[in-house]
Amino acid sequence: MDRTDLIVETMLRRAKAGDEAAFAELYERFSGPIFRFAWQMSGSKNAAEDILQEVFLVLVQKLDFFDVQRASLSSYLYGIARNIVMRWLEQHRQEAAADADLEEQVARSKDGNPLMELTREELVKWVRKAILSLPETYREVVVLCELQELSYQEAASIIGCAVGTVRSRLHRARSLLVQKLHIIEGGSSEKTTGGISYELSAF
């Protein structure tokens, strides 16, 4: 167990004993990544804020049952967030589909390659829409591995699948993003997708 894990374990032990300051420290440490995950998956800041609050409400309710020896708190929180996000997406599927209608916008472009003329801000918006238009199965691996920069092992633990499944889904997701962004001519698939996390650094 490394130093970070020891610090988290100590905060958890204090929080379980009723130390509100320790719980506040846990919230400060993990709320940012969980919020960004919820936002990147839903495309809605308001939804992400609600999901974040629900995640930590669940943590409060199940704090005494969480065993740090069985899973990291980070993976546990991502897992809770994933379940809540998937439920939100199911409830807002039609709305999300309308917001993520990227292909129709691309089809209306005069030159067929609109990204070449976009500013970085506009490019971030297009890439964000492209990610939101992915099926949830592919979207979550892009968010977890590309944007949140988690390892394949961590992503597999959160999703509840094999590491090989994460790899294959991420490969397919990258291919879909290249197709959606219409920038295949600019380079290989690997070159194109390598800048995804950079372009969405503010997302």
Protein backbone atom coordinates (compact mmCIF):
# COMPACT_ATOMS: atom_id res chain seq x y z
CA MET A 1 0.00 0.00 0.00
CA ASP A 2 1.51 3.34 -1.05
CA ARG A 3 1.46 6.60 0.90
CA THR A 4 -1.67 7.89 -0.86
CA ASP A 5 -3.58 4.71 -0.01
CA LEU A 6 -2.46 4.99 3.61
CA ILE A 7 -3.69 8.60 3.79
CA VAL A 8 -7.07 7.61 2.32
CA GLU A 9 -7.35 4.64 4.68
CA THR A 10 -6.64 6.91 7.65
CA MET A 11 -9.27 9.41 6.51
CA LEU A 12 -11.77 6.60 6.02
CA ARG A 13 -11.13 5.26 9.50
CA ARG A 14 -11.64 8.72 10.97
CA ALA A 15 -14.78 9.29 8.90
CA LYS A 16 -16.25 5.97 10.06
CA ALA A 17 -15.65 7.12 13.62
CA GLY A 18 -17.78 10.19 12.97
CA ASP A 19 -15.06 12.71 12.13
CA GLU A 20 -16.84 15.16 9.79
CA ALA A 21 -13.58 16.90 8.91
CA ALA A 22 -12.19 13.60 7.61
CA PHE A 23 -15.23 13.08 5.42
CA ALA A 24 -14.82 16.64 4.11
CA GLU A 25 -11.22 15.79 3.23
CA LEU A 26 -12.38 12.72 1.31
CA TYR A 27 -14.91 14.84 -0.54
CA GLU A 28 -12.27 17.42 -1.45
CA ARG A 29 -9.89 14.71 -2.68
CA PHE A 30 -12.36 12.77 -4.84
CA SER A 31 -15.15 15.16 -5.80
CA GLY A 32 -13.26 16.73 -8.73
CA PRO A 33 -12.60 13.51 -10.68
CA ILE A 34 -16.08 12.15 -9.98
CA PHE A 35 -17.70 15.41 -11.10
CA ARG A 36 -15.68 15.44 -14.32
CA PHE A 37 -16.57 11.82 -15.02
CA ALA A 38 -20.28 12.56 -14.57
CA TRP A 39 -20.05 15.70 -16.73
CA GLN A 40 -18.10 14.00 -19.50
CA MET A 41 -20.55 11.10 -19.55
CA SER A 42 -23.75 13.18 -19.37
CA GLY A 43 -22.73 16.41 -21.11
CA SER A 44 -24.59 18.34 -18.42
CA LYS A 45 -22.97 20.30 -15.58
CA ASN A 46 -26.24 20.40 -13.66
CA ALA A 47 -26.63 16.65 -13.95
CA ALA A 48 -23.00 16.16 -12.91
CA GLU A 49 -23.53 18.25 -9.77
CA ASP A 50 -26.61 16.21 -8.84
CA ILE A 51 -24.81 12.93 -9.55
CA LEU A 52 -21.83 14.02 -7.46
CA GLN A 53 -24.04 14.77 -4.47
CA GLU A 54 -25.82 11.44 -4.86
CA VAL A 55 -22.52 9.57 -5.01
CA PHE A 56 -21.36 10.98 -1.69
CA LEU A 57 -24.78 10.46 -0.15
CA VAL A 58 -24.45 6.78 -1.03
CA LEU A 59 -20.94 6.80 0.46
CA VAL A 60 -22.29 8.22 3.73
CA GLN A 61 -24.95 5.52 3.85
CA LYS A 62 -22.51 2.69 3.08
CA LEU A 63 -19.38 4.01 4.73
CA ASP A 64 -19.37 1.42 7.50
CA PHE A 65 -19.59 -1.40 4.96
CA PHE A 66 -16.77 -0.25 2.69
CA ASP A 67 -13.59 -2.33 2.99
CA VAL A 68 -10.47 -0.61 1.68
CA GLN A 69 -8.74 -4.00 1.50
CA ARG A 70 -11.17 -5.19 -1.17
CA ALA A 71 -11.18 -2.16 -3.47
CA SER A 72 -9.78 1.35 -3.68
CA LEU A 73 -12.09 4.16 -2.65
CA SER A 74 -11.53 5.78 -6.03
CA SER A 75 -12.79 2.71 -7.91
CA TYR A 76 -15.67 2.36 -5.48
CA LEU A 77 -16.79 5.97 -6.03
CA TYR A 78 -16.43 5.69 -9.80
CA GLY A 79 -18.53 2.54 -9.68
CA ILE A 80 -21.31 4.31 -7.77
CA ALA A 81 -21.10 7.27 -10.16
CA ARG A 82 -21.25 4.95 -13.17
CA ASN A 83 -24.45 3.33 -11.94
CA ILE A 84 -26.09 6.70 -11.31
CA VAL A 85 -24.89 8.07 -14.66
CA MET A 86 -26.27 5.07 -16.55
CA ARG A 87 -29.62 5.54 -14.86
CA TRP A 88 -29.57 9.24 -15.77
CA LEU A 89 -28.68 8.48 -19.38
CA GLU A 90 -31.54 6.00 -19.63
CA GLN A 91 -33.97 8.63 -18.38
CA HIS A 92 -32.61 11.32 -20.73
CA ARG A 93 -31.72 9.20 -23.75
CA GLN A 94 -33.87 11.09 -26.25
CA GLU A 95 -32.63 14.47 -25.05
CA ALA A 96 -28.99 13.34 -25.19
CA ALA A 97 -29.42 11.93 -28.68
CA ALA A 98 -30.74 15.27 -29.94
CA ASP A 99 -27.83 17.15 -28.38
CA ALA A 100 -25.25 14.76 -29.82
CA ASP A 101 -26.45 14.74 -33.43
CA LEU A 102 -22.97 15.34 -34.77
CA GLU A 103 -23.28 13.50 -38.06
CA GLU A 104 -26.10 15.75 -39.29
CA GLN A 105 -24.03 18.85 -38.58
CA VAL A 106 -21.01 17.41 -40.39
CA ALA A 107 -23.16 16.48 -43.38
CA ARG A 108 -24.24 20.11 -43.75
CA SER A 109 -20.64 21.29 -44.03
CA LYS A 110 -19.68 22.69 -47.45
CA ASP A 111 -16.22 21.15 -47.65
CA GLY A 112 -16.90 17.92 -45.77
CA ASN A 113 -14.05 18.57 -43.34
CA PRO A 114 -15.23 21.41 -41.05
CA LEU A 115 -12.67 20.72 -38.31
CA MET A 116 -9.88 22.17 -40.45
CA GLU A 117 -11.39 25.66 -40.06
CA LEU A 118 -12.34 25.51 -36.40
CA THR A 119 -10.67 27.34 -33.54
CA ARG A 120 -9.43 25.25 -30.62
CA GLU A 121 -12.50 26.21 -28.58
CA GLU A 122 -14.78 25.08 -31.37
CA LEU A 123 -12.74 21.91 -31.84
CA VAL A 124 -13.13 21.05 -28.16
CA LYS A 125 -16.88 21.47 -28.59
CA TRP A 126 -16.95 19.16 -31.60
CA VAL A 127 -14.83 16.48 -29.93
CA ARG A 128 -17.04 16.72 -26.83
CA LYS A 129 -20.12 16.18 -28.97
CA ALA A 130 -18.44 13.29 -30.73
CA ILE A 131 -17.74 11.58 -27.41
CA LEU A 132 -21.27 12.22 -26.19
CA SER A 133 -22.63 10.66 -29.38
CA LEU A 134 -20.82 7.38 -28.71
CA PRO A 135 -22.83 4.48 -27.29
CA GLU A 136 -22.41 4.41 -23.50
CA THR A 137 -20.31 1.22 -23.68
CA TYR A 138 -17.66 3.03 -25.73
CA ARG A 139 -18.12 6.45 -24.19
CA GLU A 140 -17.27 5.27 -20.69
CA VAL A 141 -13.93 3.71 -21.69
CA VAL A 142 -12.93 6.92 -23.51
CA VAL A 143 -13.88 9.00 -20.47
CA LEU A 144 -12.17 6.70 -17.97
CA CYS A 145 -8.99 5.90 -19.92
CA GLU A 146 -8.47 8.94 -22.17
CA LEU A 147 -9.94 11.79 -20.15
CA GLN A 148 -9.66 10.57 -16.54
CA GLU A 149 -6.38 8.82 -17.42
CA LEU A 150 -7.16 5.69 -15.42
CA SER A 151 -5.37 2.44 -16.17
CA TYR A 152 -7.08 -0.36 -18.08
CA GLN A 153 -7.13 -2.33 -14.83
CA GLU A 154 -8.85 0.47 -12.94
CA ALA A 155 -11.38 0.97 -15.73
CA ALA A 156 -12.09 -2.76 -15.86
CA SER A 157 -12.67 -2.80 -12.09
CA ILE A 158 -15.11 0.12 -12.31
CA ILE A 159 -17.03 -1.28 -15.28
CA GLY A 160 -16.94 -4.86 -14.04
CA CYS A 161 -15.36 -6.46 -17.10
CA ALA A 162 -12.05 -7.99 -18.23
CA VAL A 163 -9.06 -5.78 -19.04
CA GLY A 164 -9.09 -7.16 -22.57
CA THR A 165 -12.66 -5.95 -22.96
CA VAL A 166 -11.60 -2.42 -22.00
CA ARG A 167 -8.81 -2.53 -24.58
CA SER A 168 -11.07 -3.74 -27.39
CA ARG A 169 -13.82 -1.23 -26.54
CA LEU A 170 -11.34 1.62 -26.42
CA HIS A 171 -9.89 0.62 -29.78
CA ARG A 172 -13.39 0.56 -31.29
CA ALA A 173 -14.29 3.87 -29.61
CA ARG A 174 -11.24 5.57 -31.10
CA SER A 175 -12.15 4.30 -34.55
CA LEU A 176 -15.69 5.62 -34.16
CA LEU A 177 -14.39 9.03 -33.08
CA VAL A 178 -12.14 9.26 -36.11
CA GLN A 179 -15.11 8.50 -38.35
CA LYS A 180 -17.33 11.02 -36.59
CA LEU A 181 -14.76 13.80 -36.77
CA HIS A 182 -13.97 13.23 -40.44
CA ILE A 183 -10.25 13.74 -40.05
CA ILE A 184 -8.93 10.44 -41.34
CA GLU A 185 -7.07 12.26 -44.13
CA GLY A 186 -5.02 14.17 -41.56
CA GLY A 187 -3.18 11.08 -40.31
CA SER A 188 -3.55 7.65 -38.87
CA SER A 189 -6.16 6.67 -36.31
CA GLU A 190 -3.51 6.56 -33.59
CA LYS A 191 -2.29 10.06 -34.45
CA THR A 192 -5.79 11.48 -34.52
CA THR A 193 -7.01 10.03 -31.24
CA GLY A 194 -3.79 10.77 -29.41
CA GLY A 195 -4.88 14.39 -28.98
CA ILE A 196 -8.31 13.69 -27.55
CA SER A 197 -7.38 14.16 -23.91
CA TYR A 198 -5.40 17.31 -24.78
CA GLU A 199 -8.25 18.91 -26.69
CA LEU A 200 -10.64 18.16 -23.84
CA SER A 201 -8.34 19.27 -21.03
CA ALA A 202 -10.84 21.98 -20.15
CA PHE A 203 -13.84 19.67 -20.37
